[in-house]
Amino acid sequence: MLKNRVNKELYYGYTNNLERRLKEHEIENGWKFIGCEGYAAELDARERERKLKHYGQTRTHLKNRLRKSLEL
């Protein structure tokens, strides 16, 4: 999960190279790293991403778990 430093927008996404993806967002848009989840199977990771992007309750649960990180 990334958080935009300017407008506080949250970004949820799948990647197979977290270090590269963080560098892309930091350089291009000023995003801040909040947290990540790891999965051994790509299909599990893509399913989680889909749920985060399409179901508000899933995002709400994640935000509650990361509320202190989101305040930083």
PDB file of N, CA and C in Angstrom:
ATOM      1  N   MET A   1       0.854  -1.162   0.000  1.00  0.00           N
ATOM      2  CA  MET A   1       0.000   0.000   0.000  1.00  0.00           C
ATOM      3  C   MET A   1       0.902   1.227   0.000  1.00  0.00           C
ATOM      4  N   LEU A   2       0.542   2.182  -0.829  1.00  0.00           N
ATOM      5  CA  LEU A   2       1.249   3.454  -0.900  1.00  0.00           C
ATOM      6  C   LEU A   2       0.266   4.581  -0.608  1.00  0.00           C
ATOM      7  N   LYS A   3       0.779   5.676  -0.076  1.00  0.00           N
ATOM      8  CA  LYS A   3      -0.044   6.841   0.211  1.00  0.00           C
ATOM      9  C   LYS A   3       0.595   8.061  -0.441  1.00  0.00           C
ATOM     10  N   ASN A   4      -0.200   8.813  -1.186  1.00  0.00           N
ATOM     11  CA  ASN A   4       0.286  10.021  -1.838  1.00  0.00           C
ATOM     12  C   ASN A   4       0.537  11.092  -0.787  1.00  0.00           C
ATOM     13  N   ARG A   5       1.713  11.689  -0.810  1.00  0.00           N
ATOM     14  CA  ARG A   5       2.085  12.694   0.195  1.00  0.00           C
ATOM     15  C   ARG A   5       1.298  13.996   0.046  1.00  0.00           C
ATOM     16  N   VAL A   6       0.789  14.255  -1.134  1.00  0.00           N
ATOM     17  CA  VAL A   6       0.084  15.511  -1.385  1.00  0.00           C
ATOM     18  C   VAL A   6      -1.412  15.388  -1.109  1.00  0.00           C
ATOM     19  N   ASN A   7      -2.085  14.475  -1.812  1.00  0.00           N
ATOM     20  CA  ASN A   7      -3.545  14.404  -1.700  1.00  0.00           C
ATOM     21  C   ASN A   7      -4.032  13.251  -0.812  1.00  0.00           C
ATOM     22  N   LYS A   8      -3.090  12.509  -0.187  1.00  0.00           N
ATOM     23  CA  LYS A   8      -3.411  11.421   0.763  1.00  0.00           C
ATOM     24  C   LYS A   8      -4.118  10.230   0.117  1.00  0.00           C
ATOM     25  N   GLU A   9      -4.155  10.175  -1.213  1.00  0.00           N
ATOM     26  CA  GLU A   9      -4.761   9.044  -1.926  1.00  0.00           C
ATOM     27  C   GLU A   9      -3.985   7.767  -1.617  1.00  0.00           C
ATOM     28  N   LEU A  10      -4.696   6.655  -1.530  1.00  0.00           N
ATOM     29  CA  LEU A  10      -4.065   5.362  -1.285  1.00  0.00           C
ATOM     30  C   LEU A  10      -4.000   4.562  -2.581  1.00  0.00           C
ATOM     31  N   TYR A  11      -2.930   3.793  -2.737  1.00  0.00           N
ATOM     32  CA  TYR A  11      -2.722   2.967  -3.917  1.00  0.00           C
ATOM     33  C   TYR A  11      -2.517   1.526  -3.477  1.00  0.00           C
ATOM     34  N   TYR A  12      -3.237   0.633  -4.098  1.00  0.00           N
ATOM     35  CA  TYR A  12      -3.110  -0.799  -3.845  1.00  0.00           C
ATOM     36  C   TYR A  12      -2.726  -1.443  -5.165  1.00  0.00           C
ATOM     37  N   GLY A  13      -1.701  -2.264  -5.158  1.00  0.00           N
ATOM     38  CA  GLY A  13      -1.342  -2.886  -6.417  1.00  0.00           C
ATOM     39  C   GLY A  13      -0.454  -4.099  -6.246  1.00  0.00           C
ATOM     40  N   TYR A  14      -0.435  -4.910  -7.273  1.00  0.00           N
ATOM     41  CA  TYR A  14       0.379  -6.119  -7.321  1.00  0.00           C
ATOM     42  C   TYR A  14       1.681  -5.808  -8.046  1.00  0.00           C
ATOM     43  N   THR A  15       2.765  -6.398  -7.585  1.00  0.00           N
ATOM     44  CA  THR A  15       4.031  -6.324  -8.308  1.00  0.00           C
ATOM     45  C   THR A  15       4.851  -7.567  -7.998  1.00  0.00           C
ATOM     46  N   ASN A  16       5.715  -7.915  -8.906  1.00  0.00           N
ATOM     47  CA  ASN A  16       6.639  -9.020  -8.651  1.00  0.00           C
ATOM     48  C   ASN A  16       8.021  -8.498  -8.284  1.00  0.00           C
ATOM     49  N   ASN A  17       8.150  -7.167  -8.179  1.00  0.00           N
ATOM     50  CA  ASN A  17       9.421  -6.549  -7.806  1.00  0.00           C
ATOM     51  C   ASN A  17       9.116  -5.301  -6.980  1.00  0.00           C
ATOM     52  N   LEU A  18       8.989  -5.475  -5.675  1.00  0.00           N
ATOM     53  CA  LEU A  18       8.588  -4.384  -4.790  1.00  0.00           C
ATOM     54  C   LEU A  18       9.594  -3.237  -4.810  1.00  0.00           C
ATOM     55  N   GLU A  19      10.873  -3.537  -4.772  1.00  0.00           N
ATOM     56  CA  GLU A  19      11.892  -2.484  -4.758  1.00  0.00           C
ATOM     57  C   GLU A  19      11.779  -1.590  -5.997  1.00  0.00           C
ATOM     58  N   ARG A  20      11.645  -2.197  -7.163  1.00  0.00           N
ATOM     59  CA  ARG A  20      11.503  -1.426  -8.407  1.00  0.00           C
ATOM     60  C   ARG A  20      10.244  -0.570  -8.383  1.00  0.00           C
ATOM     61  N   ARG A  21       9.137  -1.164  -7.937  1.00  0.00           N
ATOM     62  CA  ARG A  21       7.854  -0.456  -7.935  1.00  0.00           C
ATOM     63  C   ARG A  21       7.881   0.736  -6.976  1.00  0.00           C
ATOM     64  N   LEU A  22       8.512   0.561  -5.822  1.00  0.00           N
ATOM     65  CA  LEU A  22       8.621   1.669  -4.870  1.00  0.00           C
ATOM     66  C   LEU A  22       9.441   2.809  -5.456  1.00  0.00           C
ATOM     67  N   LYS A  23      10.525   2.477  -6.132  1.00  0.00           N
ATOM     68  CA  LYS A  23      11.351   3.507  -6.760  1.00  0.00           C
ATOM     69  C   LYS A  23      10.569   4.260  -7.830  1.00  0.00           C
ATOM     70  N   GLU A  24       9.786   3.551  -8.626  1.00  0.00           N
ATOM     71  CA  GLU A  24       8.986   4.191  -9.673  1.00  0.00           C
ATOM     72  C   GLU A  24       8.005   5.193  -9.071  1.00  0.00           C
ATOM     73  N   HIS A  25       7.305   4.782  -8.035  1.00  0.00           N
ATOM     74  CA  HIS A  25       6.316   5.674  -7.432  1.00  0.00           C
ATOM     75  C   HIS A  25       6.971   6.839  -6.705  1.00  0.00           C
ATOM     76  N   GLU A  26       8.046   6.600  -6.003  1.00  0.00           N
ATOM     77  CA  GLU A  26       8.714   7.666  -5.259  1.00  0.00           C
ATOM     78  C   GLU A  26       9.238   8.741  -6.199  1.00  0.00           C
ATOM     79  N   ILE A  27       9.876   8.310  -7.261  1.00  0.00           N
ATOM     80  CA  ILE A  27      10.468   9.256  -8.204  1.00  0.00           C
ATOM     81  C   ILE A  27       9.392  10.024  -8.957  1.00  0.00           C
ATOM     82  N   GLU A  28       8.384   9.340  -9.432  1.00  0.00           N
ATOM     83  CA  GLU A  28       7.391   9.955 -10.298  1.00  0.00           C
ATOM     84  C   GLU A  28       6.335  10.767  -9.553  1.00  0.00           C
ATOM     85  N   ASN A  29       5.917  10.307  -8.396  1.00  0.00           N
ATOM     86  CA  ASN A  29       4.710  10.888  -7.834  1.00  0.00           C
ATOM     87  C   ASN A  29       4.769  11.286  -6.362  1.00  0.00           C
ATOM     88  N   GLY A  30       5.847  11.048  -5.672  1.00  0.00           N
ATOM     89  CA  GLY A  30       5.915  11.398  -4.270  1.00  0.00           C
ATOM     90  C   GLY A  30       5.049  10.531  -3.379  1.00  0.00           C
ATOM     91  N   TRP A  31       5.045   9.242  -3.601  1.00  0.00           N
ATOM     92  CA  TRP A  31       4.256   8.307  -2.799  1.00  0.00           C
ATOM     93  C   TRP A  31       5.075   7.820  -1.616  1.00  0.00           C
ATOM     94  N   LYS A  32       4.402   7.487  -0.533  1.00  0.00           N
ATOM     95  CA  LYS A  32       5.039   6.975   0.673  1.00  0.00           C
ATOM     96  C   LYS A  32       4.611   5.525   0.881  1.00  0.00           C
ATOM     97  N   PHE A  33       5.572   4.663   1.193  1.00  0.00           N
ATOM     98  CA  PHE A  33       5.293   3.250   1.460  1.00  0.00           C
ATOM     99  C   PHE A  33       4.625   3.120   2.821  1.00  0.00           C
ATOM    100  N   ILE A  34       3.482   2.413   2.862  1.00  0.00           N
ATOM    101  CA  ILE A  34       2.740   2.185   4.105  1.00  0.00           C
ATOM    102  C   ILE A  34       2.882   0.746   4.567  1.00  0.00           C
ATOM    103  N   GLY A  35       2.790  -0.202   3.663  1.00  0.00           N
ATOM    104  CA  GLY A  35       2.907  -1.608   4.042  1.00  0.00           C
ATOM    105  C   GLY A  35       2.692  -2.513   2.855  1.00  0.00           C
ATOM    106  N   CYS A  36       2.929  -3.801   3.068  1.00  0.00           N
ATOM    107  CA  CYS A  36       2.732  -4.763   1.986  1.00  0.00           C
ATOM    108  C   CYS A  36       2.307  -6.107   2.561  1.00  0.00           C
ATOM    109  N   GLU A  37       1.764  -6.920   1.698  1.00  0.00           N
ATOM    110  CA  GLU A  37       1.408  -8.298   2.019  1.00  0.00           C
ATOM    111  C   GLU A  37       2.140  -9.174   1.014  1.00  0.00           C
ATOM    112  N   GLY A  38       2.625 -10.321   1.443  1.00  0.00           N
ATOM    113  CA  GLY A  38       3.335 -11.217   0.544  1.00  0.00           C
ATOM    114  C   GLY A  38       2.581 -12.520   0.343  1.00  0.00           C
ATOM    115  N   TYR A  39       2.628 -13.028  -0.877  1.00  0.00           N
ATOM    116  CA  TYR A  39       1.964 -14.284  -1.226  1.00  0.00           C
ATOM    117  C   TYR A  39       2.914 -15.132  -2.058  1.00  0.00           C
ATOM    118  N   ALA A  40       2.928 -16.423  -1.793  1.00  0.00           N
ATOM    119  CA  ALA A  40       3.774 -17.335  -2.566  1.00  0.00           C
ATOM    120  C   ALA A  40       3.219 -17.554  -3.970  1.00  0.00           C
ATOM    121  N   ALA A  41       1.902 -17.525  -4.103  1.00  0.00           N
ATOM    122  CA  ALA A  41       1.262 -17.752  -5.404  1.00  0.00           C
ATOM    123  C   ALA A  41       0.792 -16.426  -6.009  1.00  0.00           C
ATOM    124  N   GLU A  42       1.175 -16.196  -7.244  1.00  0.00           N
ATOM    125  CA  GLU A  42       0.775 -14.971  -7.940  1.00  0.00           C
ATOM    126  C   GLU A  42      -0.741 -14.818  -8.000  1.00  0.00           C
ATOM    127  N   LEU A  43      -1.451 -15.911  -8.199  1.00  0.00           N
ATOM    128  CA  LEU A  43      -2.912 -15.833  -8.288  1.00  0.00           C
ATOM    129  C   LEU A  43      -3.526 -15.335  -6.979  1.00  0.00           C
ATOM    130  N   ASP A  44      -2.959 -15.731  -5.847  1.00  0.00           N
ATOM    131  CA  ASP A  44      -3.445 -15.224  -4.558  1.00  0.00           C
ATOM    132  C   ASP A  44      -3.218 -13.720  -4.450  1.00  0.00           C
ATOM    133  N   ALA A  45      -2.062 -13.258  -4.887  1.00  0.00           N
ATOM    134  CA  ALA A  45      -1.747 -11.828  -4.834  1.00  0.00           C
ATOM    135  C   ALA A  45      -2.687 -11.025  -5.734  1.00  0.00           C
ATOM    136  N   ARG A  46      -2.944 -11.522  -6.912  1.00  0.00           N
ATOM    137  CA  ARG A  46      -3.834 -10.813  -7.837  1.00  0.00           C
ATOM    138  C   ARG A  46      -5.274 -10.791  -7.325  1.00  0.00           C
ATOM    139  N   GLU A  47      -5.708 -11.864  -6.689  1.00  0.00           N
ATOM    140  CA  GLU A  47      -7.052 -11.908  -6.113  1.00  0.00           C
ATOM    141  C   GLU A  47      -7.174 -10.895  -4.973  1.00  0.00           C
ATOM    142  N   ARG A  48      -6.153 -10.800  -4.146  1.00  0.00           N
ATOM    143  CA  ARG A  48      -6.167  -9.827  -3.044  1.00  0.00           C
ATOM    144  C   ARG A  48      -6.217  -8.403  -3.601  1.00  0.00           C
ATOM    145  N   GLU A  49      -5.430  -8.122  -4.620  1.00  0.00           N
ATOM    146  CA  GLU A  49      -5.440  -6.804  -5.247  1.00  0.00           C
ATOM    147  C   GLU A  49      -6.841  -6.483  -5.779  1.00  0.00           C
ATOM    148  N   ARG A  50      -7.461  -7.444  -6.438  1.00  0.00           N
ATOM    149  CA  ARG A  50      -8.806  -7.239  -6.982  1.00  0.00           C
ATOM    150  C   ARG A  50      -9.794  -6.900  -5.871  1.00  0.00           C
ATOM    151  N   LYS A  51      -9.721  -7.626  -4.768  1.00  0.00           N
ATOM    152  CA  LYS A  51     -10.634  -7.358  -3.657  1.00  0.00           C
ATOM    153  C   LYS A  51     -10.401  -5.978  -3.059  1.00  0.00           C
ATOM    154  N   LEU A  52      -9.142  -5.585  -2.934  1.00  0.00           N
ATOM    155  CA  LEU A  52      -8.851  -4.257  -2.383  1.00  0.00           C
ATOM    156  C   LEU A  52      -9.366  -3.142  -3.295  1.00  0.00           C
ATOM    157  N   LYS A  53      -9.300  -3.358  -4.579  1.00  0.00           N
ATOM    158  CA  LYS A  53      -9.713  -2.322  -5.521  1.00  0.00           C
ATOM    159  C   LYS A  53     -11.219  -2.269  -5.738  1.00  0.00           C
ATOM    160  N   HIS A  54     -11.937  -3.367  -5.443  1.00  0.00           N
ATOM    161  CA  HIS A  54     -13.358  -3.416  -5.780  1.00  0.00           C
ATOM    162  C   HIS A  54     -14.317  -3.516  -4.599  1.00  0.00           C
ATOM    163  N   TYR A  55     -13.803  -3.809  -3.420  1.00  0.00           N
ATOM    164  CA  TYR A  55     -14.696  -3.997  -2.276  1.00  0.00           C
ATOM    165  C   TYR A  55     -14.299  -3.073  -1.135  1.00  0.00           C
ATOM    166  N   GLY A  56     -15.164  -2.124  -0.827  1.00  0.00           N
ATOM    167  CA  GLY A  56     -14.905  -1.137   0.208  1.00  0.00           C
ATOM    168  C   GLY A  56     -14.643  -1.734   1.578  1.00  0.00           C
ATOM    169  N   GLN A  57     -15.353  -2.797   1.922  1.00  0.00           N
ATOM    170  CA  GLN A  57     -15.172  -3.402   3.239  1.00  0.00           C
ATOM    171  C   GLN A  57     -13.761  -3.989   3.385  1.00  0.00           C
ATOM    172  N   THR A  58     -13.225  -4.531   2.319  1.00  0.00           N
ATOM    173  CA  THR A  58     -11.868  -5.076   2.348  1.00  0.00           C
ATOM    174  C   THR A  58     -10.867  -3.959   2.620  1.00  0.00           C
ATOM    175  N   ARG A  59     -11.034  -2.814   1.946  1.00  0.00           N
ATOM    176  CA  ARG A  59     -10.156  -1.669   2.173  1.00  0.00           C
ATOM    177  C   ARG A  59     -10.300  -1.144   3.592  1.00  0.00           C
ATOM    178  N   THR A  60     -11.528  -1.091   4.100  1.00  0.00           N
ATOM    179  CA  THR A  60     -11.776  -0.598   5.452  1.00  0.00           C
ATOM    180  C   THR A  60     -11.052  -1.453   6.484  1.00  0.00           C
ATOM    181  N   HIS A  61     -11.111  -2.765   6.340  1.00  0.00           N
ATOM    182  CA  HIS A  61     -10.418  -3.658   7.277  1.00  0.00           C
ATOM    183  C   HIS A  61      -8.907  -3.423   7.235  1.00  0.00           C
ATOM    184  N   LEU A  62      -8.358  -3.269   6.039  1.00  0.00           N
ATOM    185  CA  LEU A  62      -6.927  -3.029   5.912  1.00  0.00           C
ATOM    186  C   LEU A  62      -6.551  -1.687   6.532  1.00  0.00           C
ATOM    187  N   LYS A  63      -7.323  -0.653   6.265  1.00  0.00           N
ATOM    188  CA  LYS A  63      -7.039   0.667   6.839  1.00  0.00           C
ATOM    189  C   LYS A  63      -7.090   0.628   8.360  1.00  0.00           C
ATOM    190  N   ASN A  64      -8.017  -0.129   8.911  1.00  0.00           N
ATOM    191  CA  ASN A  64      -8.097  -0.259  10.370  1.00  0.00           C
ATOM    192  C   ASN A  64      -6.843  -0.928  10.923  1.00  0.00           C
ATOM    193  N   ARG A  65      -6.357  -1.953  10.249  1.00  0.00           N
ATOM    194  CA  ARG A  65      -5.153  -2.643  10.691  1.00  0.00           C
ATOM    195  C   ARG A  65      -3.923  -1.763  10.600  1.00  0.00           C
ATOM    196  N   LEU A  66      -3.908  -0.841   9.644  1.00  0.00           N
ATOM    197  CA  LEU A  66      -2.728   0.003   9.400  1.00  0.00           C
ATOM    198  C   LEU A  66      -2.950   1.463   9.837  1.00  0.00           C
ATOM    199  N   ARG A  67      -3.905   1.712  10.704  1.00  0.00           N
ATOM    200  CA  ARG A  67      -4.266   3.100  11.005  1.00  0.00           C
ATOM    201  C   ARG A  67      -3.101   3.926  11.558  1.00  0.00           C
ATOM    202  N   LYS A  68      -2.231   3.362  12.365  1.00  0.00           N
ATOM    203  CA  LYS A  68      -1.089   4.120  12.899  1.00  0.00           C
ATOM    204  C   LYS A  68      -0.095   4.435  11.772  1.00  0.00           C
ATOM    205  N   SER A  69       0.120   3.509  10.877  1.00  0.00           N
ATOM    206  CA  SER A  69       1.012   3.753   9.740  1.00  0.00           C
ATOM    207  C   SER A  69       0.443   4.816   8.817  1.00  0.00           C
ATOM    208  N   LEU A  70      -0.862   4.849   8.677  1.00  0.00           N
ATOM    209  CA  LEU A  70      -1.495   5.840   7.806  1.00  0.00           C
ATOM    210  C   LEU A  70      -1.411   7.252   8.393  1.00  0.00           C
ATOM    211  N   GLU A  71      -1.268   7.350   9.697  1.00  0.00           N
ATOM    212  CA  GLU A  71      -1.167   8.658  10.346  1.00  0.00           C
ATOM    213  C   GLU A  71       0.190   9.306  10.144  1.00  0.00           C
ATOM    214  N   LEU A  72       1.208   8.521   9.855  1.00  0.00           N
ATOM    215  CA  LEU A  72       2.568   9.056   9.708  1.00  0.00           C
ATOM    216  C   LEU A  72       2.710   9.944   8.512  1.00  0.00           C
TER     217      LEU A  72
END
